[in-house]
Amino acid sequence: MTERLYQPDSYLREFDATVVGLDRDEGAIALDRSAFYPGGGGQPHDLGSIVAGGSDVPVTRVKARGDSVWHWLAGPLPDEGAEIRGVIDWDRRYRLMRTHTSMHILCGVVWRDYAAQVTGGNMEPLGGHLDFEFETLRQELVAEIETRILAEVEAARDVRVRTLLRAEAFKIPDLIRTKVNLLPEGIQQVRTVEIVGLDLQADGGTHVANTREVGAVRVAKYKSKGRINKRIYLELDV
């Protein structure tokens, strides 16, 4: 089992760990603890490097397999049992943190003001989209939504992360904002992300600590994906 260091602290840039698994065919290692986000929920995996034995080897892919987080390396693998230092590509990670929080702001605004559920989404550093079951969305509402998103950024709302037992978490009204509940039945601890005063959801990704850190954000465009489903695109400044 890999201890996922990014869950309580998204700002952790470097960490020490031990290699607990090797896949030489794929060029990947598993660690006993890791701050690398393995991807999921529309957020891409982290990049960075593994420092071991005097070598600094790029991490090209990160993926969760069961309870372990695996790291694909573009170079020689350290031996099992080796002590390593992991280094996150911080510039990319922080852009993803800002982007992910902006998506929660968008989701919170649309849920609060229009009662529309999320049906899908994806993101890259400084941009992404969410799909909503939002039949009444029209061009005239887009500028209104953007104004409300910007107001939430300027409100400097704190972003809080907690881990709750499943039974306790599901007592929270509207914890799941997606059309389909994506939490497997076997998960007994639920990580929640709260934008205080706006949004509270089950979420496993990395976020900034305050909405002010999102910075300048705009609704780049929207598309109709059918009679009911509508897609809203956000873009952030560097």
Protein backbone atom coordinates (compact mmCIF):
# COMPACT_ATOMS: atom_id res chain seq x y z
CA MET A 1 0.00 0.00 0.00
CA THR A 2 1.31 3.45 -0.95
CA GLU A 3 0.79 6.29 1.52
CA ARG A 4 -0.59 9.10 -0.64
CA LEU A 5 1.16 12.19 0.62
CA TYR A 6 -0.63 14.57 -1.74
CA GLN A 7 -3.98 13.91 -0.07
CA PRO A 8 -3.37 15.89 3.12
CA ASP A 9 -0.81 18.26 1.56
CA SER A 10 -1.08 19.30 -2.09
CA TYR A 11 1.86 21.71 -1.60
CA LEU A 12 4.43 18.98 -0.87
CA ARG A 13 7.06 19.24 -3.61
CA GLU A 14 9.68 16.68 -2.52
CA PHE A 15 9.59 13.56 -0.38
CA ASP A 16 11.66 10.55 0.68
CA ALA A 17 10.42 7.02 0.09
CA THR A 18 11.41 3.37 -0.31
CA VAL A 19 11.01 1.27 -3.46
CA VAL A 20 8.63 -1.59 -2.61
CA GLY A 21 7.89 -2.95 -6.10
CA LEU A 22 9.55 -3.28 -9.52
CA ASP A 23 8.15 -3.90 -12.98
CA ARG A 24 11.24 -4.11 -15.17
CA ASP A 25 9.25 -4.97 -18.29
CA GLU A 26 7.35 -1.67 -18.06
CA GLY A 27 10.12 0.35 -16.42
CA ALA A 28 8.06 1.21 -13.35
CA ILE A 29 8.50 1.25 -9.58
CA ALA A 30 6.06 1.27 -6.67
CA LEU A 31 6.84 3.31 -3.55
CA ASP A 32 5.80 2.97 0.08
CA ARG A 33 4.80 6.68 0.04
CA SER A 34 4.39 9.18 -2.76
CA ALA A 35 3.39 12.78 -3.37
CA PHE A 36 2.85 12.09 -7.10
CA TYR A 37 -0.84 12.32 -8.01
CA PRO A 38 -1.66 9.21 -10.09
CA GLY A 39 -4.45 10.78 -12.11
CA GLY A 40 -8.20 10.44 -11.82
CA GLY A 41 -11.40 12.47 -11.70
CA GLY A 42 -10.39 14.30 -14.87
CA GLN A 43 -7.07 15.48 -13.42
CA PRO A 44 -3.91 14.22 -15.20
CA HIS A 45 -1.11 12.48 -13.32
CA ASP A 46 1.90 14.39 -12.08
CA LEU A 47 5.33 14.51 -13.68
CA GLY A 48 8.70 15.02 -12.04
CA SER A 49 11.75 12.92 -11.20
CA ILE A 50 13.12 10.19 -8.93
CA VAL A 51 16.57 10.79 -7.44
CA ALA A 52 18.42 7.62 -6.43
CA GLY A 53 22.08 6.54 -6.39
CA GLY A 54 23.25 9.82 -7.88
CA SER A 55 20.84 9.59 -10.84
CA ASP A 56 17.97 11.99 -11.47
CA VAL A 57 15.49 10.05 -13.63
CA PRO A 58 12.36 11.66 -15.16
CA VAL A 59 8.96 10.30 -14.14
CA THR A 60 6.89 10.03 -17.32
CA ARG A 61 3.72 8.40 -16.00
CA VAL A 62 2.04 7.71 -12.66
CA LYS A 63 -0.86 5.33 -12.13
CA ALA A 64 -2.63 3.67 -9.22
CA ARG A 65 -2.89 -0.10 -9.30
CA GLY A 66 -4.94 -1.35 -6.40
CA ASP A 67 -3.52 0.18 -3.24
CA SER A 68 -0.14 1.00 -4.80
CA VAL A 69 1.01 4.01 -6.83
CA TRP A 70 3.37 3.11 -9.69
CA HIS A 71 5.87 5.48 -11.31
CA TRP A 72 7.21 4.95 -14.85
CA LEU A 73 10.81 6.11 -15.27
CA ALA A 74 12.69 7.23 -18.38
CA GLY A 75 15.92 5.64 -17.22
CA PRO A 76 17.44 2.99 -14.96
CA LEU A 77 15.29 1.65 -12.14
CA PRO A 78 16.51 1.69 -8.54
CA ASP A 79 16.55 -1.67 -6.81
CA GLU A 80 13.75 -2.85 -4.56
CA GLY A 81 14.43 -1.59 -1.05
CA ALA A 82 16.36 1.44 -2.32
CA GLU A 83 15.82 4.81 -0.66
CA ILE A 84 14.81 7.48 -3.17
CA ARG A 85 13.80 11.11 -3.25
CA GLY A 86 10.78 12.12 -5.32
CA VAL A 87 10.59 15.60 -6.86
CA ILE A 88 7.32 16.93 -8.28
CA ASP A 89 7.25 19.13 -11.40
CA TRP A 90 5.89 21.93 -9.26
CA ASP A 91 5.06 24.46 -11.99
CA ARG A 92 2.82 21.91 -13.74
CA ARG A 93 1.31 20.62 -10.48
CA TYR A 94 0.43 24.12 -9.24
CA ARG A 95 -1.24 24.98 -12.55
CA LEU A 96 -3.31 21.81 -12.22
CA MET A 97 -4.19 22.69 -8.62
CA ARG A 98 -5.44 26.11 -9.72
CA THR A 99 -7.33 24.56 -12.62
CA HIS A 100 -8.96 21.86 -10.50
CA THR A 101 -10.13 24.41 -7.94
CA SER A 102 -11.55 26.59 -10.72
CA MET A 103 -13.58 23.59 -11.88
CA HIS A 104 -15.01 23.18 -8.39
CA ILE A 105 -15.90 26.88 -8.36
CA LEU A 106 -17.69 26.43 -11.70
CA CYS A 107 -19.46 23.34 -10.39
CA GLY A 108 -20.43 25.10 -7.17
CA VAL A 109 -21.84 28.13 -8.98
CA VAL A 110 -23.82 26.08 -11.48
CA TRP A 111 -25.19 23.77 -8.76
CA ARG A 112 -26.08 26.63 -6.39
CA ASP A 113 -27.63 28.95 -8.96
CA TYR A 114 -28.99 26.59 -11.63
CA ALA A 115 -29.27 23.16 -9.88
CA ALA A 116 -27.44 21.44 -12.77
CA GLN A 117 -25.48 18.22 -12.17
CA VAL A 118 -22.10 17.36 -13.68
CA THR A 119 -22.10 14.59 -16.29
CA GLY A 120 -18.38 14.62 -17.18
CA GLY A 121 -15.22 16.67 -17.40
CA ASN A 122 -11.52 16.86 -18.09
CA MET A 123 -8.62 19.23 -17.49
CA GLU A 124 -5.07 20.08 -18.41
CA PRO A 125 -2.80 22.71 -16.83
CA LEU A 126 -4.64 26.08 -17.07
CA GLY A 127 -7.72 24.81 -18.86
CA GLY A 128 -10.52 22.30 -18.90
CA HIS A 129 -14.23 21.68 -19.25
CA LEU A 130 -17.21 20.37 -17.37
CA ASP A 131 -20.34 18.88 -18.87
CA PHE A 132 -23.66 19.59 -17.18
CA GLU A 133 -27.22 18.37 -17.42
CA PHE A 134 -28.22 21.96 -18.15
CA GLU A 135 -30.96 22.09 -20.78
CA THR A 136 -31.66 25.83 -20.29
CA LEU A 137 -28.05 27.00 -20.78
CA ARG A 138 -27.91 29.71 -23.41
CA GLN A 139 -25.28 32.22 -24.53
CA GLU A 140 -26.78 34.97 -22.37
CA LEU A 141 -26.13 32.88 -19.24
CA VAL A 142 -22.44 32.32 -20.02
CA ALA A 143 -21.37 35.87 -19.13
CA GLU A 144 -23.46 35.66 -15.96
CA ILE A 145 -21.76 32.42 -14.94
CA GLU A 146 -18.31 33.90 -15.61
CA THR A 147 -19.10 36.94 -13.45
CA ARG A 148 -20.20 34.69 -10.60
CA ILE A 149 -17.06 32.53 -10.90
CA LEU A 150 -14.85 35.63 -10.70
CA ALA A 151 -16.75 36.81 -7.64
CA GLU A 152 -15.99 33.52 -5.89
CA VAL A 153 -12.29 33.82 -6.77
CA GLU A 154 -12.19 37.35 -5.35
CA ALA A 155 -14.10 36.25 -2.25
CA ALA A 156 -10.88 34.46 -1.19
CA ARG A 157 -12.71 31.42 0.12
CA ASP A 158 -10.64 28.86 1.99
CA VAL A 159 -10.40 25.37 0.51
CA ARG A 160 -10.46 22.60 3.14
CA VAL A 161 -9.67 18.90 2.77
CA ARG A 162 -11.01 16.22 5.13
CA THR A 163 -11.18 12.42 5.17
CA LEU A 164 -14.38 10.93 6.57
CA LEU A 165 -15.76 7.48 7.11
CA ARG A 166 -18.09 6.58 4.25
CA ALA A 167 -21.21 6.48 6.44
CA GLU A 168 -20.42 9.93 7.87
CA ALA A 169 -19.57 11.40 4.47
CA PHE A 170 -22.83 10.29 2.88
CA LYS A 171 -24.82 12.12 5.53
CA ILE A 172 -23.68 15.34 3.81
CA PRO A 173 -26.42 16.59 1.45
CA ASP A 174 -25.47 16.66 -2.25
CA LEU A 175 -21.97 15.30 -1.59
CA ILE A 176 -21.98 13.70 -5.05
CA ARG A 177 -22.49 16.36 -7.73
CA THR A 178 -21.99 14.03 -10.68
CA LYS A 179 -24.93 12.41 -12.40
CA VAL A 180 -23.44 8.99 -11.58
CA ASN A 181 -21.92 8.13 -8.19
CA LEU A 182 -18.29 7.31 -9.06
CA LEU A 183 -17.29 6.13 -5.57
CA PRO A 184 -16.92 2.33 -5.52
CA GLU A 185 -18.77 0.53 -2.75
CA GLY A 186 -15.52 -0.82 -1.32
CA ILE A 187 -14.15 2.62 -0.43
CA GLN A 188 -14.75 3.10 3.30
CA GLN A 189 -12.96 6.43 3.71
CA VAL A 190 -14.06 9.39 1.61
CA ARG A 191 -11.90 12.44 0.99
CA THR A 192 -13.88 15.65 0.72
CA VAL A 193 -12.89 19.05 -0.66
CA GLU A 194 -14.81 22.08 0.57
CA ILE A 195 -14.74 25.59 -0.83
CA VAL A 196 -16.07 27.20 2.31
CA GLY A 197 -19.44 28.80 1.70
CA LEU A 198 -19.78 27.54 -1.85
CA ASP A 199 -19.04 23.87 -2.56
CA LEU A 200 -18.48 20.56 -0.78
CA GLN A 201 -17.77 17.39 -2.75
CA ALA A 202 -16.10 14.01 -2.60
CA ASP A 203 -12.84 14.44 -4.50
CA GLY A 204 -9.40 12.84 -4.67
CA GLY A 205 -7.40 15.50 -6.53
CA THR A 206 -5.06 18.34 -5.61
CA HIS A 207 -6.26 21.89 -4.91
CA VAL A 208 -5.04 25.32 -3.87
CA ALA A 209 -5.73 26.47 -0.30
CA ASN A 210 -7.75 29.56 -1.22
CA THR A 211 -9.82 30.54 -4.25
CA ARG A 212 -7.78 33.73 -4.67
CA GLU A 213 -4.89 31.53 -5.86
CA VAL A 214 -6.89 30.51 -8.94
CA GLY A 215 -6.21 33.94 -10.41
CA ALA A 216 -7.73 35.27 -13.62
CA VAL A 217 -10.20 32.76 -15.09
CA ARG A 218 -12.70 33.05 -17.90
CA VAL A 219 -15.36 31.01 -19.64
CA ALA A 220 -13.64 30.44 -22.96
CA LYS A 221 -16.70 28.97 -24.71
CA TYR A 222 -19.58 26.62 -24.34
CA LYS A 223 -20.98 23.88 -26.53
CA SER A 224 -24.23 22.03 -26.75
CA LYS A 225 -23.62 18.27 -26.50
CA GLY A 226 -27.26 17.49 -27.13
CA ARG A 227 -30.66 18.71 -26.01
CA ILE A 228 -29.81 18.39 -22.33
CA ASN A 229 -26.02 18.18 -21.96
CA LYS A 230 -23.96 21.37 -22.23
CA ARG A 231 -20.17 21.82 -21.98
CA ILE A 232 -18.50 24.84 -20.38
CA TYR A 233 -14.79 25.51 -21.00
CA LEU A 234 -12.59 27.46 -18.58
CA GLU A 235 -9.18 29.01 -19.22
CA LEU A 236 -6.76 30.44 -16.63
CA ASP A 237 -3.95 32.95 -17.04
CA VAL A 238 -0.38 31.88 -16.42
